[in-house]
Amino acid sequence: MRKSKGTKICKHPERLKGKPGECSPEQIKECHGKVVEHPCVKEK
């Protein structure tokens, strides 16, 4: 089965509550620290 081109594998799947693109800014900060973009999501 192929993965969607719009997402990568989550680096913290145990913390994931939905799709990586649906993470709140607070959840992104908790998982990845201060980042400009969510590293678990790449643009199409």
PDB file of N, CA and C in Angstrom:
ATOM      1  N   MET A   1       0.846  -1.182   0.000  1.00  0.00           N
ATOM      2  CA  MET A   1       0.000   0.000   0.000  1.00  0.00           C
ATOM      3  C   MET A   1       0.889   1.242   0.000  1.00  0.00           C
ATOM      4  N   ARG A   2       0.606   2.186  -0.864  1.00  0.00           N
ATOM      5  CA  ARG A   2       1.405   3.403  -0.978  1.00  0.00           C
ATOM      6  C   ARG A   2       0.937   4.460   0.005  1.00  0.00           C
ATOM      7  N   LYS A   3       1.881   5.234   0.486  1.00  0.00           N
ATOM      8  CA  LYS A   3       1.555   6.331   1.390  1.00  0.00           C
ATOM      9  C   LYS A   3       1.160   7.557   0.584  1.00  0.00           C
ATOM     10  N   SER A   4       0.384   8.414   1.162  1.00  0.00           N
ATOM     11  CA  SER A   4      -0.003   9.668   0.527  1.00  0.00           C
ATOM     12  C   SER A   4       1.236  10.519   0.278  1.00  0.00           C
ATOM     13  N   LYS A   5       1.267  11.229  -0.824  1.00  0.00           N
ATOM     14  CA  LYS A   5       2.396  12.099  -1.130  1.00  0.00           C
ATOM     15  C   LYS A   5       2.443  13.303  -0.199  1.00  0.00           C
ATOM     16  N   GLY A   6       1.368  13.602   0.487  1.00  0.00           N
ATOM     17  CA  GLY A   6       1.306  14.791   1.330  1.00  0.00           C
ATOM     18  C   GLY A   6       1.783  14.586   2.755  1.00  0.00           C
ATOM     19  N   THR A   7       2.121  13.368   3.155  1.00  0.00           N
ATOM     20  CA  THR A   7       2.549  13.146   4.524  1.00  0.00           C
ATOM     21  C   THR A   7       3.771  12.251   4.580  1.00  0.00           C
ATOM     22  N   LYS A   8       4.499  12.362   5.658  1.00  0.00           N
ATOM     23  CA  LYS A   8       5.615  11.470   5.959  1.00  0.00           C
ATOM     24  C   LYS A   8       5.203  10.617   7.145  1.00  0.00           C
ATOM     25  N   ILE A   9       6.042   9.695   7.513  1.00  0.00           N
ATOM     26  CA  ILE A   9       5.796   8.906   8.718  1.00  0.00           C
ATOM     27  C   ILE A   9       6.028   9.804   9.928  1.00  0.00           C
ATOM     28  N   CYS A  10       5.133   9.742  10.888  1.00  0.00           N
ATOM     29  CA  CYS A  10       5.249  10.561  12.093  1.00  0.00           C
ATOM     30  C   CYS A  10       6.447  10.108  12.917  1.00  0.00           C
ATOM     31  N   LYS A  11       7.227  11.071  13.405  1.00  0.00           N
ATOM     32  CA  LYS A  11       8.391  10.765  14.233  1.00  0.00           C
ATOM     33  C   LYS A  11       7.994  10.373  15.650  1.00  0.00           C
ATOM     34  N   HIS A  12       6.777  10.707  16.058  1.00  0.00           N
ATOM     35  CA  HIS A  12       6.276  10.399  17.404  1.00  0.00           C
ATOM     36  C   HIS A  12       4.872   9.801  17.308  1.00  0.00           C
ATOM     37  N   PRO A  13       4.719   8.614  16.703  1.00  0.00           N
ATOM     38  CA  PRO A  13       3.378   8.057  16.491  1.00  0.00           C
ATOM     39  C   PRO A  13       2.618   7.787  17.792  1.00  0.00           C
ATOM     40  N   GLU A  14       3.327   7.576  18.878  1.00  0.00           N
ATOM     41  CA  GLU A  14       2.656   7.329  20.157  1.00  0.00           C
ATOM     42  C   GLU A  14       1.933   8.572  20.665  1.00  0.00           C
ATOM     43  N   ARG A  15       2.325   9.748  20.210  1.00  0.00           N
ATOM     44  CA  ARG A  15       1.690  11.004  20.618  1.00  0.00           C
ATOM     45  C   ARG A  15       0.644  11.476  19.618  1.00  0.00           C
ATOM     46  N   LEU A  16       0.594  10.860  18.455  1.00  0.00           N
ATOM     47  CA  LEU A  16      -0.286  11.305  17.381  1.00  0.00           C
ATOM     48  C   LEU A  16      -1.745  11.007  17.717  1.00  0.00           C
ATOM     49  N   LYS A  17      -2.601  12.015  17.603  1.00  0.00           N
ATOM     50  CA  LYS A  17      -4.023  11.862  17.921  1.00  0.00           C
ATOM     51  C   LYS A  17      -4.884  11.827  16.669  1.00  0.00           C
ATOM     52  N   GLY A  18      -4.305  12.091  15.520  1.00  0.00           N
ATOM     53  CA  GLY A  18      -5.000  12.098  14.243  1.00  0.00           C
ATOM     54  C   GLY A  18      -3.945  11.988  13.155  1.00  0.00           C
ATOM     55  N   LYS A  19      -4.093  12.785  12.118  1.00  0.00           N
ATOM     56  CA  LYS A  19      -3.082  12.841  11.070  1.00  0.00           C
ATOM     57  C   LYS A  19      -2.061  13.910  11.438  1.00  0.00           C
ATOM     58  N   PRO A  20      -0.794  13.758  11.011  1.00  0.00           N
ATOM     59  CA  PRO A  20       0.206  14.769  11.337  1.00  0.00           C
ATOM     60  C   PRO A  20      -0.196  16.182  10.914  1.00  0.00           C
ATOM     61  N   GLY A  21      -0.908  16.325   9.821  1.00  0.00           N
ATOM     62  CA  GLY A  21      -1.348  17.639   9.366  1.00  0.00           C
ATOM     63  C   GLY A  21      -2.416  18.262  10.238  1.00  0.00           C
ATOM     64  N   GLU A  22      -2.990  17.504  11.160  1.00  0.00           N
ATOM     65  CA  GLU A  22      -4.050  17.992  12.038  1.00  0.00           C
ATOM     66  C   GLU A  22      -3.541  18.366  13.430  1.00  0.00           C
ATOM     67  N   CYS A  23      -2.244  18.269  13.665  1.00  0.00           N
ATOM     68  CA  CYS A  23      -1.690  18.569  14.987  1.00  0.00           C
ATOM     69  C   CYS A  23      -1.840  20.052  15.315  1.00  0.00           C
ATOM     70  N   SER A  24      -2.143  20.336  16.564  1.00  0.00           N
ATOM     71  CA  SER A  24      -2.243  21.725  17.014  1.00  0.00           C
ATOM     72  C   SER A  24      -0.832  22.285  17.210  1.00  0.00           C
ATOM     73  N   PRO A  25      -0.682  23.605  17.205  1.00  0.00           N
ATOM     74  CA  PRO A  25       0.631  24.200  17.451  1.00  0.00           C
ATOM     75  C   PRO A  25       1.232  23.752  18.786  1.00  0.00           C
ATOM     76  N   GLU A  26       0.392  23.568  19.795  1.00  0.00           N
ATOM     77  CA  GLU A  26       0.871  23.122  21.100  1.00  0.00           C
ATOM     78  C   GLU A  26       1.429  21.702  21.020  1.00  0.00           C
ATOM     79  N   GLN A  27       0.734  20.823  20.262  1.00  0.00           N
ATOM     80  CA  GLN A  27       1.186  19.448  20.120  1.00  0.00           C
ATOM     81  C   GLN A  27       2.500  19.396  19.329  1.00  0.00           C
ATOM     82  N   ILE A  28       2.620  20.215  18.284  1.00  0.00           N
ATOM     83  CA  ILE A  28       3.854  20.266  17.504  1.00  0.00           C
ATOM     84  C   ILE A  28       5.011  20.712  18.390  1.00  0.00           C
ATOM     85  N   LYS A  29       4.776  21.731  19.213  1.00  0.00           N
ATOM     86  CA  LYS A  29       5.824  22.236  20.113  1.00  0.00           C
ATOM     87  C   LYS A  29       6.229  21.162  21.116  1.00  0.00           C
ATOM     88  N   GLU A  30       5.256  20.417  21.639  1.00  0.00           N
ATOM     89  CA  GLU A  30       5.535  19.358  22.602  1.00  0.00           C
ATOM     90  C   GLU A  30       6.393  18.247  21.976  1.00  0.00           C
ATOM     91  N   CYS A  31       6.101  17.897  20.737  1.00  0.00           N
ATOM     92  CA  CYS A  31       6.810  16.796  20.073  1.00  0.00           C
ATOM     93  C   CYS A  31       8.149  17.224  19.469  1.00  0.00           C
ATOM     94  N   HIS A  32       8.212  18.431  18.920  1.00  0.00           N
ATOM     95  CA  HIS A  32       9.362  18.824  18.115  1.00  0.00           C
ATOM     96  C   HIS A  32      10.094  20.065  18.612  1.00  0.00           C
ATOM     97  N   GLY A  33       9.594  20.692  19.663  1.00  0.00           N
ATOM     98  CA  GLY A  33      10.226  21.923  20.132  1.00  0.00           C
ATOM     99  C   GLY A  33       9.827  23.091  19.242  1.00  0.00           C
ATOM    100  N   LYS A  34      10.639  24.141  19.243  1.00  0.00           N
ATOM    101  CA  LYS A  34      10.338  25.322  18.430  1.00  0.00           C
ATOM    102  C   LYS A  34      10.747  25.050  16.992  1.00  0.00           C
ATOM    103  N   VAL A  35       9.772  24.881  16.125  1.00  0.00           N
ATOM    104  CA  VAL A  35      10.015  24.681  14.705  1.00  0.00           C
ATOM    105  C   VAL A  35       9.091  25.599  13.913  1.00  0.00           C
ATOM    106  N   VAL A  36       9.519  25.974  12.712  1.00  0.00           N
ATOM    107  CA  VAL A  36       8.707  26.835  11.869  1.00  0.00           C
ATOM    108  C   VAL A  36       7.587  26.032  11.227  1.00  0.00           C
ATOM    109  N   GLU A  37       7.894  24.839  10.726  1.00  0.00           N
ATOM    110  CA  GLU A  37       6.909  23.981  10.088  1.00  0.00           C
ATOM    111  C   GLU A  37       6.918  22.614  10.760  1.00  0.00           C
ATOM    112  N   HIS A  38       5.805  21.921  10.708  1.00  0.00           N
ATOM    113  CA  HIS A  38       5.707  20.585  11.276  1.00  0.00           C
ATOM    114  C   HIS A  38       6.556  19.628  10.453  1.00  0.00           C
ATOM    115  N   PRO A  39       7.615  19.050  11.030  1.00  0.00           N
ATOM    116  CA  PRO A  39       8.502  18.191  10.274  1.00  0.00           C
ATOM    117  C   PRO A  39       7.887  16.854   9.838  1.00  0.00           C
ATOM    118  N   CYS A  40       6.761  16.473  10.382  1.00  0.00           N
ATOM    119  CA  CYS A  40       6.115  15.206   9.998  1.00  0.00           C
ATOM    120  C   CYS A  40       5.198  15.369   8.787  1.00  0.00           C
ATOM    121  N   VAL A  41       5.077  16.580   8.283  1.00  0.00           N
ATOM    122  CA  VAL A  41       4.222  16.846   7.122  1.00  0.00           C
ATOM    123  C   VAL A  41       5.069  17.541   6.062  1.00  0.00           C
ATOM    124  N   LYS A  42       4.980  17.047   4.839  1.00  0.00           N
ATOM    125  CA  LYS A  42       5.657  17.767   3.766  1.00  0.00           C
ATOM    126  C   LYS A  42       4.614  18.200   2.759  1.00  0.00           C
ATOM    127  N   GLU A  43       4.901  19.291   2.061  1.00  0.00           N
ATOM    128  CA  GLU A  43       3.935  19.822   1.102  1.00  0.00           C
ATOM    129  C   GLU A  43       3.856  18.955  -0.138  1.00  0.00           C
ATOM    130  N   LYS A  44       2.691  18.989  -0.771  1.00  0.00           N
ATOM    131  CA  LYS A  44       2.472  18.218  -1.995  1.00  0.00           C
ATOM    132  C   LYS A  44       3.206  18.850  -3.154  1.00  0.00           C
TER     133      LYS A  44
END
